[in-house]
Amino acid sequence: MCDPETLSQILGTEVGGLAPFGYELNVQLVVSSTLFKQKYIYLNPGRNDATICISGEDFKSVMLGNKARIL
């Protein structure tokens, strides 16, 4: 977690616009494995005015490909 200014400087996004993937920087993402069991997951794509719908299985594939820390 960080303050809004740091979020903007490091990831180029605003509060509420943090997506779970798509960053070139070394960002450590921690994900609960319970998300993978959901039929659909609705995510923020890095902006506050849009939403992504992805299946739990597809989300798992993306997260494992991004070397997320799975809990």
PDB file of N, CA and C in Angstrom:
ATOM      1  N   MET A   1       0.841  -1.163   0.000  1.00  0.00           N
ATOM      2  CA  MET A   1       0.000   0.000   0.000  1.00  0.00           C
ATOM      3  C   MET A   1       0.899   1.244   0.000  1.00  0.00           C
ATOM      4  N   CYS A   2       0.372   2.291  -0.603  1.00  0.00           N
ATOM      5  CA  CYS A   2       1.137   3.529  -0.650  1.00  0.00           C
ATOM      6  C   CYS A   2       0.188   4.715  -0.794  1.00  0.00           C
ATOM      7  N   ASP A   3       0.757   5.878  -0.682  1.00  0.00           N
ATOM      8  CA  ASP A   3      -0.051   7.091  -0.811  1.00  0.00           C
ATOM      9  C   ASP A   3      -0.326   7.359  -2.298  1.00  0.00           C
ATOM     10  N   PRO A   4      -1.352   8.174  -2.602  1.00  0.00           N
ATOM     11  CA  PRO A   4      -1.734   8.432  -3.995  1.00  0.00           C
ATOM     12  C   PRO A   4      -0.602   8.978  -4.867  1.00  0.00           C
ATOM     13  N   GLU A   5       0.239   9.836  -4.311  1.00  0.00           N
ATOM     14  CA  GLU A   5       1.329  10.416  -5.100  1.00  0.00           C
ATOM     15  C   GLU A   5       2.343   9.349  -5.514  1.00  0.00           C
ATOM     16  N   THR A   6       2.696   8.477  -4.586  1.00  0.00           N
ATOM     17  CA  THR A   6       3.641   7.402  -4.886  1.00  0.00           C
ATOM     18  C   THR A   6       3.053   6.440  -5.909  1.00  0.00           C
ATOM     19  N   LEU A   7       1.774   6.114  -5.764  1.00  0.00           N
ATOM     20  CA  LEU A   7       1.093   5.240  -6.722  1.00  0.00           C
ATOM     21  C   LEU A   7       1.171   5.817  -8.128  1.00  0.00           C
ATOM     22  N   SER A   8       0.922   7.098  -8.236  1.00  0.00           N
ATOM     23  CA  SER A   8       0.973   7.773  -9.534  1.00  0.00           C
ATOM     24  C   SER A   8       2.389   7.773 -10.106  1.00  0.00           C
ATOM     25  N   GLN A   9       3.375   8.055  -9.268  1.00  0.00           N
ATOM     26  CA  GLN A   9       4.764   8.118  -9.729  1.00  0.00           C
ATOM     27  C   GLN A   9       5.297   6.757 -10.169  1.00  0.00           C
ATOM     28  N   ILE A  10       5.001   5.713  -9.404  1.00  0.00           N
ATOM     29  CA  ILE A  10       5.575   4.398  -9.675  1.00  0.00           C
ATOM     30  C   ILE A  10       4.814   3.633 -10.753  1.00  0.00           C
ATOM     31  N   LEU A  11       3.472   3.656 -10.677  1.00  0.00           N
ATOM     32  CA  LEU A  11       2.672   2.841 -11.593  1.00  0.00           C
ATOM     33  C   LEU A  11       1.897   3.638 -12.629  1.00  0.00           C
ATOM     34  N   GLY A  12       1.899   4.955 -12.501  1.00  0.00           N
ATOM     35  CA  GLY A  12       1.217   5.787 -13.481  1.00  0.00           C
ATOM     36  C   GLY A  12      -0.292   5.679 -13.447  1.00  0.00           C
ATOM     37  N   THR A  13      -0.850   5.392 -12.289  1.00  0.00           N
ATOM     38  CA  THR A  13      -2.298   5.271 -12.152  1.00  0.00           C
ATOM     39  C   THR A  13      -2.771   6.039 -10.931  1.00  0.00           C
ATOM     40  N   GLU A  14      -4.074   6.174 -10.802  1.00  0.00           N
ATOM     41  CA  GLU A  14      -4.648   6.867  -9.657  1.00  0.00           C
ATOM     42  C   GLU A  14      -5.277   5.862  -8.707  1.00  0.00           C
ATOM     43  N   VAL A  15      -5.604   6.305  -7.511  1.00  0.00           N
ATOM     44  CA  VAL A  15      -6.254   5.447  -6.528  1.00  0.00           C
ATOM     45  C   VAL A  15      -7.543   4.897  -7.131  1.00  0.00           C
ATOM     46  N   GLY A  16      -7.755   3.597  -6.988  1.00  0.00           N
ATOM     47  CA  GLY A  16      -8.929   2.949  -7.561  1.00  0.00           C
ATOM     48  C   GLY A  16      -8.694   2.455  -8.969  1.00  0.00           C
ATOM     49  N   GLY A  17      -7.545   2.757  -9.535  1.00  0.00           N
ATOM     50  CA  GLY A  17      -7.252   2.364 -10.908  1.00  0.00           C
ATOM     51  C   GLY A  17      -6.147   1.333 -11.014  1.00  0.00           C
ATOM     52  N   LEU A  18      -5.846   0.653  -9.931  1.00  0.00           N
ATOM     53  CA  LEU A  18      -4.752  -0.314  -9.922  1.00  0.00           C
ATOM     54  C   LEU A  18      -5.219  -1.660 -10.466  1.00  0.00           C
ATOM     55  N   ALA A  19      -4.653  -2.083 -11.566  1.00  0.00           N
ATOM     56  CA  ALA A  19      -4.998  -3.367 -12.187  1.00  0.00           C
ATOM     57  C   ALA A  19      -4.104  -4.475 -11.637  1.00  0.00           C
ATOM     58  N   PRO A  20      -4.550  -5.739 -11.702  1.00  0.00           N
ATOM     59  CA  PRO A  20      -3.732  -6.834 -11.188  1.00  0.00           C
ATOM     60  C   PRO A  20      -2.655  -7.328 -12.154  1.00  0.00           C
ATOM     61  N   PHE A  21      -2.558  -6.740 -13.332  1.00  0.00           N
ATOM     62  CA  PHE A  21      -1.531  -7.149 -14.289  1.00  0.00           C
ATOM     63  C   PHE A  21      -1.285  -6.030 -15.283  1.00  0.00           C
ATOM     64  N   GLY A  22      -0.204  -6.184 -16.059  1.00  0.00           N
ATOM     65  CA  GLY A  22       0.092  -5.215 -17.104  1.00  0.00           C
ATOM     66  C   GLY A  22       1.184  -4.218 -16.768  1.00  0.00           C
ATOM     67  N   TYR A  23       1.919  -4.461 -15.694  1.00  0.00           N
ATOM     68  CA  TYR A  23       2.975  -3.528 -15.315  1.00  0.00           C
ATOM     69  C   TYR A  23       4.332  -4.071 -15.717  1.00  0.00           C
ATOM     70  N   GLU A  24       5.175  -3.208 -16.242  1.00  0.00           N
ATOM     71  CA  GLU A  24       6.520  -3.615 -16.640  1.00  0.00           C
ATOM     72  C   GLU A  24       7.483  -3.596 -15.460  1.00  0.00           C
ATOM     73  N   LEU A  25       7.120  -2.911 -14.419  1.00  0.00           N
ATOM     74  CA  LEU A  25       7.988  -2.805 -13.253  1.00  0.00           C
ATOM     75  C   LEU A  25       7.924  -4.079 -12.428  1.00  0.00           C
ATOM     76  N   ASN A  26       8.863  -4.228 -11.551  1.00  0.00           N
ATOM     77  CA  ASN A  26       8.901  -5.385 -10.666  1.00  0.00           C
ATOM     78  C   ASN A  26       7.925  -5.165  -9.508  1.00  0.00           C
ATOM     79  N   VAL A  27       6.653  -5.454  -9.750  1.00  0.00           N
ATOM     80  CA  VAL A  27       5.607  -5.285  -8.750  1.00  0.00           C
ATOM     81  C   VAL A  27       5.232  -6.659  -8.226  1.00  0.00           C
ATOM     82  N   GLN A  28       5.333  -6.859  -6.910  1.00  0.00           N
ATOM     83  CA  GLN A  28       4.962  -8.139  -6.307  1.00  0.00           C
ATOM     84  C   GLN A  28       3.456  -8.175  -6.098  1.00  0.00           C
ATOM     85  N   LEU A  29       2.779  -9.068  -6.786  1.00  0.00           N
ATOM     86  CA  LEU A  29       1.338  -9.222  -6.669  1.00  0.00           C
ATOM     87  C   LEU A  29       1.044 -10.446  -5.817  1.00  0.00           C
ATOM     88  N   VAL A  30       0.147 -10.289  -4.855  1.00  0.00           N
ATOM     89  CA  VAL A  30      -0.272 -11.389  -3.992  1.00  0.00           C
ATOM     90  C   VAL A  30      -1.742 -11.653  -4.274  1.00  0.00           C
ATOM     91  N   VAL A  31      -2.084 -12.914  -4.590  1.00  0.00           N
ATOM     92  CA  VAL A  31      -3.438 -13.280  -5.001  1.00  0.00           C
ATOM     93  C   VAL A  31      -3.933 -14.451  -4.160  1.00  0.00           C
ATOM     94  N   SER A  32      -5.175 -14.372  -3.712  1.00  0.00           N
ATOM     95  CA  SER A  32      -5.799 -15.491  -3.007  1.00  0.00           C
ATOM     96  C   SER A  32      -6.235 -16.548  -4.018  1.00  0.00           C
ATOM     97  N   SER A  33      -5.910 -17.796  -3.758  1.00  0.00           N
ATOM     98  CA  SER A  33      -6.275 -18.882  -4.673  1.00  0.00           C
ATOM     99  C   SER A  33      -7.785 -19.069  -4.770  1.00  0.00           C
ATOM    100  N   THR A  34      -8.548 -18.535  -3.841  1.00  0.00           N
ATOM    101  CA  THR A  34     -10.012 -18.653  -3.907  1.00  0.00           C
ATOM    102  C   THR A  34     -10.571 -17.929  -5.130  1.00  0.00           C
ATOM    103  N   LEU A  35      -9.858 -16.947  -5.650  1.00  0.00           N
ATOM    104  CA  LEU A  35     -10.317 -16.251  -6.855  1.00  0.00           C
ATOM    105  C   LEU A  35     -10.375 -17.183  -8.058  1.00  0.00           C
ATOM    106  N   PHE A  36      -9.483 -18.142  -8.117  1.00  0.00           N
ATOM    107  CA  PHE A  36      -9.425 -19.050  -9.260  1.00  0.00           C
ATOM    108  C   PHE A  36     -10.648 -19.962  -9.340  1.00  0.00           C
ATOM    109  N   LYS A  37     -11.344 -20.122  -8.230  1.00  0.00           N
ATOM    110  CA  LYS A  37     -12.517 -20.999  -8.170  1.00  0.00           C
ATOM    111  C   LYS A  37     -13.801 -20.290  -8.584  1.00  0.00           C
ATOM    112  N   GLN A  38     -13.722 -18.992  -8.798  1.00  0.00           N
ATOM    113  CA  GLN A  38     -14.903 -18.217  -9.168  1.00  0.00           C
ATOM    114  C   GLN A  38     -15.205 -18.386 -10.653  1.00  0.00           C
ATOM    115  N   LYS A  39     -16.491 -18.408 -10.990  1.00  0.00           N
ATOM    116  CA  LYS A  39     -16.871 -18.505 -12.398  1.00  0.00           C
ATOM    117  C   LYS A  39     -16.351 -17.285 -13.149  1.00  0.00           C
ATOM    118  N   TYR A  40     -16.593 -16.106 -12.604  1.00  0.00           N
ATOM    119  CA  TYR A  40     -16.108 -14.858 -13.198  1.00  0.00           C
ATOM    120  C   TYR A  40     -15.525 -13.958 -12.121  1.00  0.00           C
ATOM    121  N   ILE A  41     -14.542 -13.182 -12.514  1.00  0.00           N
ATOM    122  CA  ILE A  41     -13.939 -12.165 -11.655  1.00  0.00           C
ATOM    123  C   ILE A  41     -14.013 -10.851 -12.426  1.00  0.00           C
ATOM    124  N   TYR A  42     -14.396  -9.800 -11.745  1.00  0.00           N
ATOM    125  CA  TYR A  42     -14.475  -8.478 -12.369  1.00  0.00           C
ATOM    126  C   TYR A  42     -13.332  -7.637 -11.820  1.00  0.00           C
ATOM    127  N   LEU A  43     -12.510  -7.123 -12.724  1.00  0.00           N
ATOM    128  CA  LEU A  43     -11.284  -6.420 -12.354  1.00  0.00           C
ATOM    129  C   LEU A  43     -11.237  -5.023 -12.947  1.00  0.00           C
ATOM    130  N   ASN A  44     -10.464  -4.200 -12.303  1.00  0.00           N
ATOM    131  CA  ASN A  44     -10.191  -2.869 -12.801  1.00  0.00           C
ATOM    132  C   ASN A  44      -9.040  -2.978 -13.799  1.00  0.00           C
ATOM    133  N   PRO A  45      -9.183  -2.428 -15.004  1.00  0.00           N
ATOM    134  CA  PRO A  45      -8.114  -2.533 -15.999  1.00  0.00           C
ATOM    135  C   PRO A  45      -7.062  -1.431 -15.916  1.00  0.00           C
ATOM    136  N   GLY A  46      -6.994  -0.742 -14.790  1.00  0.00           N
ATOM    137  CA  GLY A  46      -6.014   0.323 -14.645  1.00  0.00           C
ATOM    138  C   GLY A  46      -6.603   1.706 -14.808  1.00  0.00           C
ATOM    139  N   ARG A  47      -7.929   1.772 -14.905  1.00  0.00           N
ATOM    140  CA  ARG A  47      -8.622   3.058 -14.978  1.00  0.00           C
ATOM    141  C   ARG A  47      -9.956   2.928 -14.250  1.00  0.00           C
ATOM    142  N   ASN A  48     -10.459   4.034 -13.754  1.00  0.00           N
ATOM    143  CA  ASN A  48     -11.655   4.019 -12.913  1.00  0.00           C
ATOM    144  C   ASN A  48     -12.968   3.955 -13.674  1.00  0.00           C
ATOM    145  N   ASP A  49     -12.940   4.042 -14.980  1.00  0.00           N
ATOM    146  CA  ASP A  49     -14.191   4.096 -15.737  1.00  0.00           C
ATOM    147  C   ASP A  49     -14.424   2.858 -16.599  1.00  0.00           C
ATOM    148  N   ALA A  50     -13.774   1.745 -16.267  1.00  0.00           N
ATOM    149  CA  ALA A  50     -13.932   0.520 -17.050  1.00  0.00           C
ATOM    150  C   ALA A  50     -13.760  -0.700 -16.144  1.00  0.00           C
ATOM    151  N   THR A  51     -14.244  -1.851 -16.618  1.00  0.00           N
ATOM    152  CA  THR A  51     -14.158  -3.105 -15.872  1.00  0.00           C
ATOM    153  C   THR A  51     -13.838  -4.241 -16.838  1.00  0.00           C
ATOM    154  N   ILE A  52     -13.038  -5.198 -16.380  1.00  0.00           N
ATOM    155  CA  ILE A  52     -12.728  -6.405 -17.141  1.00  0.00           C
ATOM    156  C   ILE A  52     -13.436  -7.579 -16.470  1.00  0.00           C
ATOM    157  N   CYS A  53     -14.048  -8.445 -17.265  1.00  0.00           N
ATOM    158  CA  CYS A  53     -14.637  -9.686 -16.770  1.00  0.00           C
ATOM    159  C   CYS A  53     -13.776 -10.832 -17.296  1.00  0.00           C
ATOM    160  N   ILE A  54     -13.297 -11.684 -16.395  1.00  0.00           N
ATOM    161  CA  ILE A  54     -12.426 -12.799 -16.776  1.00  0.00           C
ATOM    162  C   ILE A  54     -12.820 -14.018 -15.945  1.00  0.00           C
ATOM    163  N   SER A  55     -12.725 -15.195 -16.521  1.00  0.00           N
ATOM    164  CA  SER A  55     -13.051 -16.403 -15.755  1.00  0.00           C
ATOM    165  C   SER A  55     -11.954 -16.656 -14.721  1.00  0.00           C
ATOM    166  N   GLY A  56     -12.308 -17.368 -13.664  1.00  0.00           N
ATOM    167  CA  GLY A  56     -11.327 -17.711 -12.641  1.00  0.00           C
ATOM    168  C   GLY A  56     -10.161 -18.500 -13.205  1.00  0.00           C
ATOM    169  N   GLU A  57     -10.457 -19.422 -14.126  1.00  0.00           N
ATOM    170  CA  GLU A  57      -9.397 -20.224 -14.751  1.00  0.00           C
ATOM    171  C   GLU A  57      -8.468 -19.368 -15.610  1.00  0.00           C
ATOM    172  N   ASP A  58      -9.031 -18.447 -16.376  1.00  0.00           N
ATOM    173  CA  ASP A  58      -8.198 -17.565 -17.200  1.00  0.00           C
ATOM    174  C   ASP A  58      -7.355 -16.647 -16.323  1.00  0.00           C
ATOM    175  N   PHE A  59      -7.942 -16.169 -15.236  1.00  0.00           N
ATOM    176  CA  PHE A  59      -7.205 -15.319 -14.302  1.00  0.00           C
ATOM    177  C   PHE A  59      -6.025 -16.096 -13.717  1.00  0.00           C
ATOM    178  N   LYS A  60      -6.259 -17.356 -13.386  1.00  0.00           N
ATOM    179  CA  LYS A  60      -5.187 -18.203 -12.852  1.00  0.00           C
ATOM    180  C   LYS A  60      -4.048 -18.321 -13.862  1.00  0.00           C
ATOM    181  N   SER A  61      -4.380 -18.556 -15.119  1.00  0.00           N
ATOM    182  CA  SER A  61      -3.356 -18.667 -16.165  1.00  0.00           C
ATOM    183  C   SER A  61      -2.536 -17.392 -16.282  1.00  0.00           C
ATOM    184  N   VAL A  62      -3.208 -16.263 -16.240  1.00  0.00           N
ATOM    185  CA  VAL A  62      -2.518 -14.974 -16.333  1.00  0.00           C
ATOM    186  C   VAL A  62      -1.619 -14.770 -15.118  1.00  0.00           C
ATOM    187  N   MET A  63      -2.131 -15.049 -13.926  1.00  0.00           N
ATOM    188  CA  MET A  63      -1.357 -14.820 -12.708  1.00  0.00           C
ATOM    189  C   MET A  63      -0.155 -15.755 -12.621  1.00  0.00           C
ATOM    190  N   LEU A  64      -0.312 -17.002 -12.999  1.00  0.00           N
ATOM    191  CA  LEU A  64       0.827 -17.922 -12.962  1.00  0.00           C
ATOM    192  C   LEU A  64       1.878 -17.516 -13.980  1.00  0.00           C
ATOM    193  N   GLY A  65       1.443 -16.974 -15.102  1.00  0.00           N
ATOM    194  CA  GLY A  65       2.374 -16.476 -16.111  1.00  0.00           C
ATOM    195  C   GLY A  65       3.113 -15.227 -15.666  1.00  0.00           C
ATOM    196  N   ASN A  66       2.517 -14.485 -14.722  1.00  0.00           N
ATOM    197  CA  ASN A  66       3.139 -13.271 -14.203  1.00  0.00           C
ATOM    198  C   ASN A  66       3.889 -13.516 -12.899  1.00  0.00           C
ATOM    199  N   LYS A  67       3.991 -14.773 -12.511  1.00  0.00           N
ATOM    200  CA  LYS A  67       4.712 -15.154 -11.292  1.00  0.00           C
ATOM    201  C   LYS A  67       4.146 -14.473 -10.058  1.00  0.00           C
ATOM    202  N   ALA A  68       2.827 -14.415  -9.971  1.00  0.00           N
ATOM    203  CA  ALA A  68       2.184 -13.846  -8.789  1.00  0.00           C
ATOM    204  C   ALA A  68       2.390 -14.776  -7.604  1.00  0.00           C
ATOM    205  N   ARG A  69       2.396 -14.208  -6.424  1.00  0.00           N
ATOM    206  CA  ARG A  69       2.478 -15.000  -5.200  1.00  0.00           C
ATOM    207  C   ARG A  69       1.060 -15.458  -4.868  1.00  0.00           C
ATOM    208  N   ILE A  70       0.807 -16.753  -4.931  1.00  0.00           N
ATOM    209  CA  ILE A  70      -0.521 -17.306  -4.717  1.00  0.00           C
ATOM    210  C   ILE A  70      -0.641 -17.773  -3.273  1.00  0.00           C
ATOM    211  N   LEU A  71      -1.673 -17.291  -2.597  1.00  0.00           N
ATOM    212  CA  LEU A  71      -1.915 -17.702  -1.207  1.00  0.00           C
ATOM    213  C   LEU A  71      -3.128 -18.585  -1.121  1.00  0.00           C
TER     214      LEU A  71
END
